[in-house]
C-alpha atoms as a PDB file:
ATOM      1  CA  MET A   1       3.108  79.547  40.338  1.00  0.00           C
ATOM      2  CA  LYS A   2       2.020  79.234  36.607  1.00  0.00           C
ATOM      3  CA  LYS A   3       5.582  78.068  35.727  1.00  0.00           C
ATOM      4  CA  ILE A   4       5.332  75.377  38.547  1.00  0.00           C
ATOM      5  CA  LEU A   5       1.876  74.165  37.229  1.00  0.00           C
ATOM      6  CA  PHE A   6       2.904  74.059  33.659  1.00  0.00           C
ATOM      7  CA  LEU A   7       6.045  72.206  34.673  1.00  0.00           C
ATOM      8  CA  LEU A   8       3.985  69.565  36.714  1.00  0.00           C
ATOM      9  CA  LEU A   9       1.633  69.322  33.795  1.00  0.00           C
ATOM     10  CA  MET A  10       4.177  68.673  31.148  1.00  0.00           C
ATOM     11  CA  ILE A  11       5.990  65.833  33.544  1.00  0.00           C
ATOM     12  CA  PHE A  12       2.542  64.148  34.074  1.00  0.00           C
ATOM     13  CA  THR A  13       1.824  64.471  30.171  1.00  0.00           C
ATOM     14  CA  ILE A  14       5.015  62.706  29.490  1.00  0.00           C
ATOM     15  CA  SER A  15       4.823  59.896  32.068  1.00  0.00           C
ATOM     16  CA  GLY A  16       1.389  58.945  30.447  1.00  0.00           C
ATOM     17  CA  CYS A  17       2.904  58.554  26.942  1.00  0.00           C
ATOM     18  CA  GLY A  18       5.629  56.889  27.879  1.00  0.00           C
ATOM     19  CA  GLY A  19       3.630  54.270  29.897  1.00  0.00           C
ATOM     20  CA  GLU A  20       1.337  53.651  26.971  1.00  0.00           C
ATOM     21  CA  SER A  21       4.232  53.061  24.735  1.00  0.00           C
ATOM     22  CA  GLN A  22       5.581  50.674  26.952  1.00  0.00           C
ATOM     23  CA  ASP A  23       2.459  48.702  27.196  1.00  0.00           C
ATOM     24  CA  SER A  24       2.216  48.322  23.448  1.00  0.00           C
ATOM     25  CA  GLN A  25       5.976  47.332  22.767  1.00  0.00           C
ATOM     26  CA  ASN A  26       5.236  44.483  25.713  1.00  0.00           C
ATOM     27  CA  LYS A  27       2.187  43.171  23.818  1.00  0.00           C
ATOM     28  CA  THR A  28       2.590  40.323  21.335  1.00  0.00           C
ATOM     29  CA  PRO A  29       0.704  40.586  17.792  1.00  0.00           C
ATOM     30  CA  ALA A  30      -0.815  37.178  18.167  1.00  0.00           C
ATOM     31  CA  GLU A  31      -2.868  37.053  14.809  1.00  0.00           C
ATOM     32  CA  PRO A  32       0.381  36.844  12.430  1.00  0.00           C
ATOM     33  CA  GLU A  33       1.743  34.138  14.500  1.00  0.00           C
ATOM     34  CA  LYS A  34      -1.188  31.973  14.646  1.00  0.00           C
ATOM     35  CA  LYS A  35      -1.388  32.174  10.860  1.00  0.00           C
ATOM     36  CA  SER A  36       2.476  30.898  10.517  1.00  0.00           C
ATOM     37  CA  VAL A  37       1.561  27.906  12.526  1.00  0.00           C
ATOM     38  CA  GLU A  38      -1.471  27.014  10.573  1.00  0.00           C
ATOM     39  CA  GLU A  39      -0.128  27.263   7.266  1.00  0.00           C
ATOM     40  CA  LYS A  40       0.567  24.026   5.545  1.00  0.00           C
ATOM     41  CA  PRO A  41       3.554  23.550   3.343  1.00  0.00           C
ATOM     42  CA  ALA A  42       2.683  22.643  -0.270  1.00  0.00           C
ATOM     43  CA  PRO A  43       3.842  18.711  -0.660  1.00  0.00           C
ATOM     44  CA  THR A  44       7.571  18.657  -2.009  1.00  0.00           C
ATOM     45  CA  SER A  45       8.287  15.111  -1.415  1.00  0.00           C
ATOM     46  CA  SER A  46       9.764  13.334  -4.546  1.00  0.00           C
ATOM     47  CA  THR A  47       7.838  10.025  -3.252  1.00  0.00           C
ATOM     48  CA  ASP A  48       4.557  12.333  -2.959  1.00  0.00           C
ATOM     49  CA  LYS A  49       5.224  13.148  -6.741  1.00  0.00           C
ATOM     50  CA  MET A  50       6.270   9.647  -7.828  1.00  0.00           C
ATOM     51  CA  THR A  51       3.102   8.426  -6.269  1.00  0.00           C
ATOM     52  CA  ALA A  52       0.924  10.802  -7.681  1.00  0.00           C
ATOM     53  CA  ASP A  53       2.033  10.119 -11.167  1.00  0.00           C
ATOM     54  CA  GLU A  54       2.772   6.404 -11.530  1.00  0.00           C
ATOM     55  CA  LYS A  55       0.029   4.270 -12.808  1.00  0.00           C
ATOM     56  CA  ILE A  56      -0.540   1.001 -10.545  1.00  0.00           C
ATOM     57  CA  LEU A  57      -2.129  -2.464 -10.866  1.00  0.00           C
ATOM     58  CA  VAL A  58      -2.958  -4.943  -8.560  1.00  0.00           C
ATOM     59  CA  VAL A  59      -2.826  -8.415 -10.352  1.00  0.00           C
ATOM     60  CA  TYR A  60      -3.688 -11.373  -8.202  1.00  0.00           C
ATOM     61  CA  PHE A  61      -4.876 -15.042  -8.336  1.00  0.00           C
ATOM     62  CA  SER A  62      -7.267 -16.384  -5.238  1.00  0.00           C
ATOM     63  CA  ARG A  63      -9.186 -19.156  -4.588  1.00  0.00           C
ATOM     64  CA  THR A  64     -12.688 -19.811  -2.848  1.00  0.00           C
ATOM     65  CA  GLY A  65     -14.302 -23.266  -1.748  1.00  0.00           C
ATOM     66  CA  GLU A  66     -12.899 -25.142   1.416  1.00  0.00           C
ATOM     67  CA  GLU A  67      -9.989 -23.916   2.859  1.00  0.00           C
ATOM     68  CA  TYR A  68      -7.776 -25.643   5.658  1.00  0.00           C
ATOM     69  CA  ASN A  69      -8.556 -24.568   9.107  1.00  0.00           C
ATOM     70  CA  ILE A  70     -11.120 -21.977   7.967  1.00  0.00           C
ATOM     71  CA  GLY A  71     -14.128 -23.771   6.424  1.00  0.00           C
ATOM     72  CA  THR A  72     -15.675 -22.658   2.994  1.00  0.00           C
ATOM     73  CA  ILE A  73     -14.840 -19.206   1.861  1.00  0.00           C
ATOM     74  CA  THR A  74     -16.643 -17.351  -0.597  1.00  0.00           C
ATOM     75  CA  LYS A  75     -13.994 -14.536  -1.356  1.00  0.00           C
ATOM     76  CA  GLY A  76     -10.013 -15.701  -1.688  1.00  0.00           C
ATOM     77  CA  ASN A  77      -7.856 -14.908   1.142  1.00  0.00           C
ATOM     78  CA  THR A  78      -5.398 -13.007  -1.601  1.00  0.00           C
ATOM     79  CA  ALA A  79      -8.390 -10.999  -2.958  1.00  0.00           C
ATOM     80  CA  ILE A  80      -9.154  -9.731   0.243  1.00  0.00           C
ATOM     81  CA  VAL A  81      -5.654  -8.324   0.717  1.00  0.00           C
ATOM     82  CA  ALA A  82      -5.784  -7.334  -3.064  1.00  0.00           C
ATOM     83  CA  GLU A  83      -8.427  -5.239  -2.530  1.00  0.00           C
ATOM     84  CA  MET A  84      -7.126  -3.498   0.549  1.00  0.00           C
ATOM     85  CA  ILE A  85      -3.867  -2.586  -1.356  1.00  0.00           C
ATOM     86  CA  ALA A  86      -5.793  -1.462  -4.575  1.00  0.00           C
ATOM     87  CA  GLN A  87      -8.178   1.001  -2.066  1.00  0.00           C
ATOM     88  CA  ARG A  88      -4.856   2.309  -0.470  1.00  0.00           C
ATOM     89  CA  THR A  89      -2.898   2.983  -3.596  1.00  0.00           C
ATOM     90  CA  GLY A  90      -5.552   3.911  -6.049  1.00  0.00           C
ATOM     91  CA  ALA A  91      -4.591   0.865  -8.308  1.00  0.00           C
ATOM     92  CA  ASP A  92      -6.714  -0.808 -10.852  1.00  0.00           C
ATOM     93  CA  THR A  93      -7.160  -4.728 -10.259  1.00  0.00           C
ATOM     94  CA  PHE A  94      -6.854  -7.563 -12.725  1.00  0.00           C
ATOM     95  CA  GLU A  95      -7.886 -11.219 -11.392  1.00  0.00           C
ATOM     96  CA  VAL A  96      -6.029 -14.292 -12.738  1.00  0.00           C
ATOM     97  CA  LYS A  97      -8.387 -16.951 -13.300  1.00  0.00           C
ATOM     98  CA  ALA A  98      -7.345 -20.867 -14.249  1.00  0.00           C
ATOM     99  CA  ALA A  99      -8.964 -21.827 -17.483  1.00  0.00           C
ATOM    100  CA  VAL A 100      -9.885 -25.063 -15.858  1.00  0.00           C
ATOM    101  CA  PRO A 101     -10.968 -24.232 -12.219  1.00  0.00           C
ATOM    102  CA  TYR A 102      -9.607 -25.999  -9.277  1.00  0.00           C
ATOM    103  CA  PRO A 103     -11.806 -28.075  -6.903  1.00  0.00           C
ATOM    104  CA  ASP A 104     -13.684 -26.533  -4.483  1.00  0.00           C
ATOM    105  CA  GLU A 105     -12.707 -29.448  -2.041  1.00  0.00           C
ATOM    106  CA  TYR A 106      -9.668 -28.436  -0.175  1.00  0.00           C
ATOM    107  CA  GLU A 107      -7.697 -32.129  -0.504  1.00  0.00           C
ATOM    108  CA  PRO A 108      -8.335 -32.735  -4.318  1.00  0.00           C
ATOM    109  CA  CYS A 109      -7.030 -29.005  -4.829  1.00  0.00           C
ATOM    110  CA  THR A 110      -3.804 -29.690  -2.946  1.00  0.00           C
ATOM    111  CA  GLU A 111      -3.131 -32.983  -4.846  1.00  0.00           C
ATOM    112  CA  ILE A 112      -3.401 -31.203  -8.270  1.00  0.00           C
ATOM    113  CA  ALA A 113      -1.370 -28.360  -6.948  1.00  0.00           C
ATOM    114  CA  LYS A 114       1.372 -30.833  -5.961  1.00  0.00           C
ATOM    115  CA  GLN A 115       1.061 -32.596  -9.178  1.00  0.00           C
ATOM    116  CA  GLU A 116       1.285 -29.275 -11.189  1.00  0.00           C
ATOM    117  CA  LEU A 117       4.545 -28.217  -9.157  1.00  0.00           C
ATOM    118  CA  GLU A 118       6.384 -31.558  -9.421  1.00  0.00           C
ATOM    119  CA  GLU A 119       5.769 -31.263 -13.427  1.00  0.00           C
ATOM    120  CA  ASN A 120       6.663 -27.628 -13.194  1.00  0.00           C
ATOM    121  CA  ALA A 121       3.439 -27.404 -15.237  1.00  0.00           C
ATOM    122  CA  ARG A 122       2.044 -24.244 -16.842  1.00  0.00           C
ATOM    123  CA  PRO A 123      -1.845 -24.701 -16.863  1.00  0.00           C
ATOM    124  CA  ALA A 124      -3.853 -22.098 -19.155  1.00  0.00           C
ATOM    125  CA  PHE A 125      -5.265 -19.229 -17.680  1.00  0.00           C
ATOM    126  CA  GLU A 126      -8.750 -17.854 -18.703  1.00  0.00           C
ATOM    127  CA  LYS A 127      -8.261 -14.374 -20.203  1.00  0.00           C
ATOM    128  CA  ASN A 128      -5.002 -12.125 -20.352  1.00  0.00           C
ATOM    129  CA  ILE A 129      -4.808  -8.551 -19.765  1.00  0.00           C
ATOM    130  CA  ASP A 130      -4.565  -6.228 -22.937  1.00  0.00           C
ATOM    131  CA  ASN A 131      -3.180  -3.215 -21.266  1.00  0.00           C
ATOM    132  CA  LEU A 132      -0.218  -3.982 -19.294  1.00  0.00           C
ATOM    133  CA  ALA A 133       2.264  -1.654 -21.015  1.00  0.00           C
ATOM    134  CA  GLN A 134       0.382   1.515 -19.210  1.00  0.00           C
ATOM    135  CA  TYR A 135       1.132   0.437 -15.728  1.00  0.00           C
ATOM    136  CA  ASP A 136       4.437   1.585 -13.964  1.00  0.00           C
ATOM    137  CA  THR A 137       4.075  -0.439 -10.634  1.00  0.00           C
ATOM    138  CA  ILE A 138       2.552  -3.737 -10.650  1.00  0.00           C
ATOM    139  CA  PHE A 139       1.571  -5.970  -7.144  1.00  0.00           C
ATOM    140  CA  ILE A 140       1.544  -9.521  -7.617  1.00  0.00           C
ATOM    141  CA  GLY A 141      -0.613 -11.152  -5.141  1.00  0.00           C
ATOM    142  CA  TYR A 142      -1.012 -14.976  -4.983  1.00  0.00           C
ATOM    143  CA  PRO A 143      -1.651 -17.867  -2.293  1.00  0.00           C
ATOM    144  CA  ILE A 144       1.489 -20.053  -1.268  1.00  0.00           C
ATOM    145  CA  TRP A 145       0.873 -23.455  -2.752  1.00  0.00           C
ATOM    146  CA  TRP A 146       3.506 -26.198  -1.655  1.00  0.00           C
ATOM    147  CA  SER A 147       6.217 -23.534  -0.616  1.00  0.00           C
ATOM    148  CA  ALA A 148       5.535 -21.917  -4.227  1.00  0.00           C
ATOM    149  CA  VAL A 149       3.690 -19.648  -6.596  1.00  0.00           C
ATOM    150  CA  PRO A 150       0.706 -21.272  -7.991  1.00  0.00           C
ATOM    151  CA  ARG A 151       1.781 -22.858 -11.483  1.00  0.00           C
ATOM    152  CA  VAL A 152      -1.248 -21.004 -13.215  1.00  0.00           C
ATOM    153  CA  MET A 153       0.142 -17.607 -11.482  1.00  0.00           C
ATOM    154  CA  MET A 154       3.462 -18.656 -13.509  1.00  0.00           C
ATOM    155  CA  THR A 155       1.857 -19.014 -16.569  1.00  0.00           C
ATOM    156  CA  PHE A 156       0.373 -15.563 -16.611  1.00  0.00           C
ATOM    157  CA  LEU A 157       3.755 -13.948 -15.394  1.00  0.00           C
ATOM    158  CA  GLU A 158       5.603 -15.764 -18.264  1.00  0.00           C
ATOM    159  CA  ALA A 159       3.181 -14.972 -20.677  1.00  0.00           C
ATOM    160  CA  ASN A 160       3.841 -11.015 -20.128  1.00  0.00           C
ATOM    161  CA  ASP A 161       6.653  -8.691 -20.403  1.00  0.00           C
ATOM    162  CA  PHE A 162       7.198  -7.023 -17.193  1.00  0.00           C
ATOM    163  CA  ALA A 163      10.640  -5.146 -18.130  1.00  0.00           C
ATOM    164  CA  GLY A 164      11.290  -1.709 -16.655  1.00  0.00           C
ATOM    165  CA  LYS A 165       8.375  -2.105 -14.315  1.00  0.00           C
ATOM    166  CA  LYS A 166       8.304  -2.016 -10.349  1.00  0.00           C
ATOM    167  CA  ILE A 167       6.865  -5.405  -9.343  1.00  0.00           C
ATOM    168  CA  ILE A 168       5.628  -5.719  -5.853  1.00  0.00           C
ATOM    169  CA  PRO A 169       4.627  -9.215  -4.597  1.00  0.00           C
ATOM    170  CA  PHE A 170       2.279 -10.193  -1.790  1.00  0.00           C
ATOM    171  CA  CYS A 171       0.817 -13.497  -0.914  1.00  0.00           C
ATOM    172  CA  THR A 172      -1.416 -15.317   1.876  1.00  0.00           C
ATOM    173  CA  HIS A 173      -0.174 -18.399   3.480  1.00  0.00           C
ATOM    174  CA  GLY A 174      -1.015 -20.886   5.881  1.00  0.00           C
ATOM    175  CA  GLY A 175       2.709 -20.405   8.005  1.00  0.00           C
ATOM    176  CA  SER A 176       5.451 -20.530   5.445  1.00  0.00           C
ATOM    177  CA  GLY A 177       5.518 -16.719   4.924  1.00  0.00           C
ATOM    178  CA  LEU A 178       6.853 -15.679   1.410  1.00  0.00           C
ATOM    179  CA  ALA A 179       8.822 -19.239   1.046  1.00  0.00           C
ATOM    180  CA  GLY A 180      11.271 -17.846  -1.134  1.00  0.00           C
ATOM    181  CA  THR A 181       8.961 -16.895  -4.241  1.00  0.00           C
ATOM    182  CA  GLU A 182      10.076 -13.357  -4.695  1.00  0.00           C
ATOM    183  CA  ARG A 183      12.935 -15.087  -6.363  1.00  0.00           C
ATOM    184  CA  GLU A 184      10.423 -17.218  -8.710  1.00  0.00           C
ATOM    185  CA  ILE A 185       8.833 -13.485  -9.256  1.00  0.00           C
ATOM    186  CA  ALA A 186      12.182 -12.256 -10.327  1.00  0.00           C
ATOM    187  CA  ASP A 187      12.699 -14.982 -12.774  1.00  0.00           C
ATOM    188  CA  ALA A 188       9.735 -14.853 -14.175  1.00  0.00           C
ATOM    189  CA  CYS A 189       9.399 -11.067 -14.628  1.00  0.00           C
ATOM    190  CA  LYS A 190      12.580 -10.488 -16.392  1.00  0.00           C
ATOM    191  CA  GLY A 191      14.124  -6.790 -16.507  1.00  0.00           C
ATOM    192  CA  ALA A 192      11.838  -5.783 -13.705  1.00  0.00           C
ATOM    193  CA  GLU A 193      12.893  -4.019 -10.518  1.00  0.00           C
ATOM    194  CA  ILE A 194      11.241  -6.475  -7.618  1.00  0.00           C
ATOM    195  CA  LYS A 195      10.528  -4.899  -4.155  1.00  0.00           C
ATOM    196  CA  SER A 196      10.100  -6.069  -0.504  1.00  0.00           C
ATOM    197  CA  GLY A 197       6.847  -8.263  -0.418  1.00  0.00           C
ATOM    198  CA  LEU A 198       4.281  -8.912   2.154  1.00  0.00           C
ATOM    199  CA  ALA A 199       3.037 -12.321   3.414  1.00  0.00           C
ATOM    200  CA  ILE A 200      -0.186 -12.270   5.286  1.00  0.00           C
ATOM    201  CA  VAL A 201      -1.381 -15.577   7.094  1.00  0.00           C
ATOM    202  CA  GLY A 202      -4.739 -16.585   5.263  1.00  0.00           C
ATOM    203  CA  LYS A 203      -6.795 -17.075   8.268  1.00  0.00           C
ATOM    204  CA  THR A 204      -5.870 -13.551   9.430  1.00  0.00           C
ATOM    205  CA  ALA A 205      -6.781 -12.325   6.341  1.00  0.00           C
ATOM    206  CA  GLN A 206     -10.478 -14.173   6.348  1.00  0.00           C
ATOM    207  CA  LYS A 207     -10.866 -13.376  10.184  1.00  0.00           C
ATOM    208  CA  ASP A 208      -9.312 -10.431  11.251  1.00  0.00           C
ATOM    209  CA  SER A 209      -9.578  -7.514   8.772  1.00  0.00           C
ATOM    210  CA  THR A 210      -8.346  -4.869  11.383  1.00  0.00           C
ATOM    211  CA  ALA A 211      -5.245  -6.422  11.630  1.00  0.00           C
ATOM    212  CA  THR A 212      -4.665  -7.736   8.061  1.00  0.00           C
ATOM    213  CA  GLN A 213      -5.520  -4.021   7.105  1.00  0.00           C
ATOM    214  CA  LYS A 214      -2.765  -2.880   9.546  1.00  0.00           C
ATOM    215  CA  ASP A 215      -0.335  -4.867   8.054  1.00  0.00           C
ATOM    216  CA  VAL A 216      -1.207  -3.789   4.581  1.00  0.00           C
ATOM    217  CA  ASP A 217      -0.881  -0.070   5.710  1.00  0.00           C
ATOM    218  CA  ASP A 218       2.301  -0.602   7.438  1.00  0.00           C
ATOM    219  CA  TRP A 219       3.854  -2.357   4.434  1.00  0.00           C
ATOM    220  CA  LEU A 220       2.759   0.101   2.055  1.00  0.00           C
ATOM    221  CA  LYS A 221       4.280   2.944   4.201  1.00  0.00           C
ATOM    222  CA  THR A 222       7.624   1.374   3.763  1.00  0.00           C
ATOM    223  CA  LEU A 223       7.257   1.500  -0.011  1.00  0.00           C
ATOM    224  CA  GLY A 224       6.288   4.843   0.311  1.00  0.00           C
ATOM    225  CA  TYR A 225       2.720   4.928  -0.381  1.00  0.00           C
END
């Protein structure tokens, strides 16, 4: 009888241990899996490294005063876009200013701009930048005047050496887009690498900051920023 009781006790004990062991095998250790999902890999993209290391400048010419189909503006359309680019890229900014300011009135300004273009003039600008050599990438901004880069901006570009730099044009316009001005920029910035430019309607830049910011952000992403 004792033998039978002993055998029954042994069978019961083995069955209990087996069940506990099976439960342990079925349980998934949740904590290690959670950690592996939450871990963020260190950035290894060459684009990330390039963007972090490069020194960026936004150079622009912009005009205030009376603007066609908008009214009188106190901040230029191109200046608005330039500030957005600088904010997103962490760039420095430099504004090109004409030595003789253009008229605030729209019609007189367009007449002067047309005459300068017809004469291929190079009007003087107020002040040059003294540390251009330190920058790797330069965004160049301007309004489209008579389907061209304003002549004062051409004066600035031709007065400086952009060889070996990455040049990225952007403009504001009334409906012409970039109007072939990327070629003008390339001709003025000898030895530079010219990237794809951005064109934003002046009225959009002035009146719709959300749409303008989206256009700027989408464009910068295509460039790796």
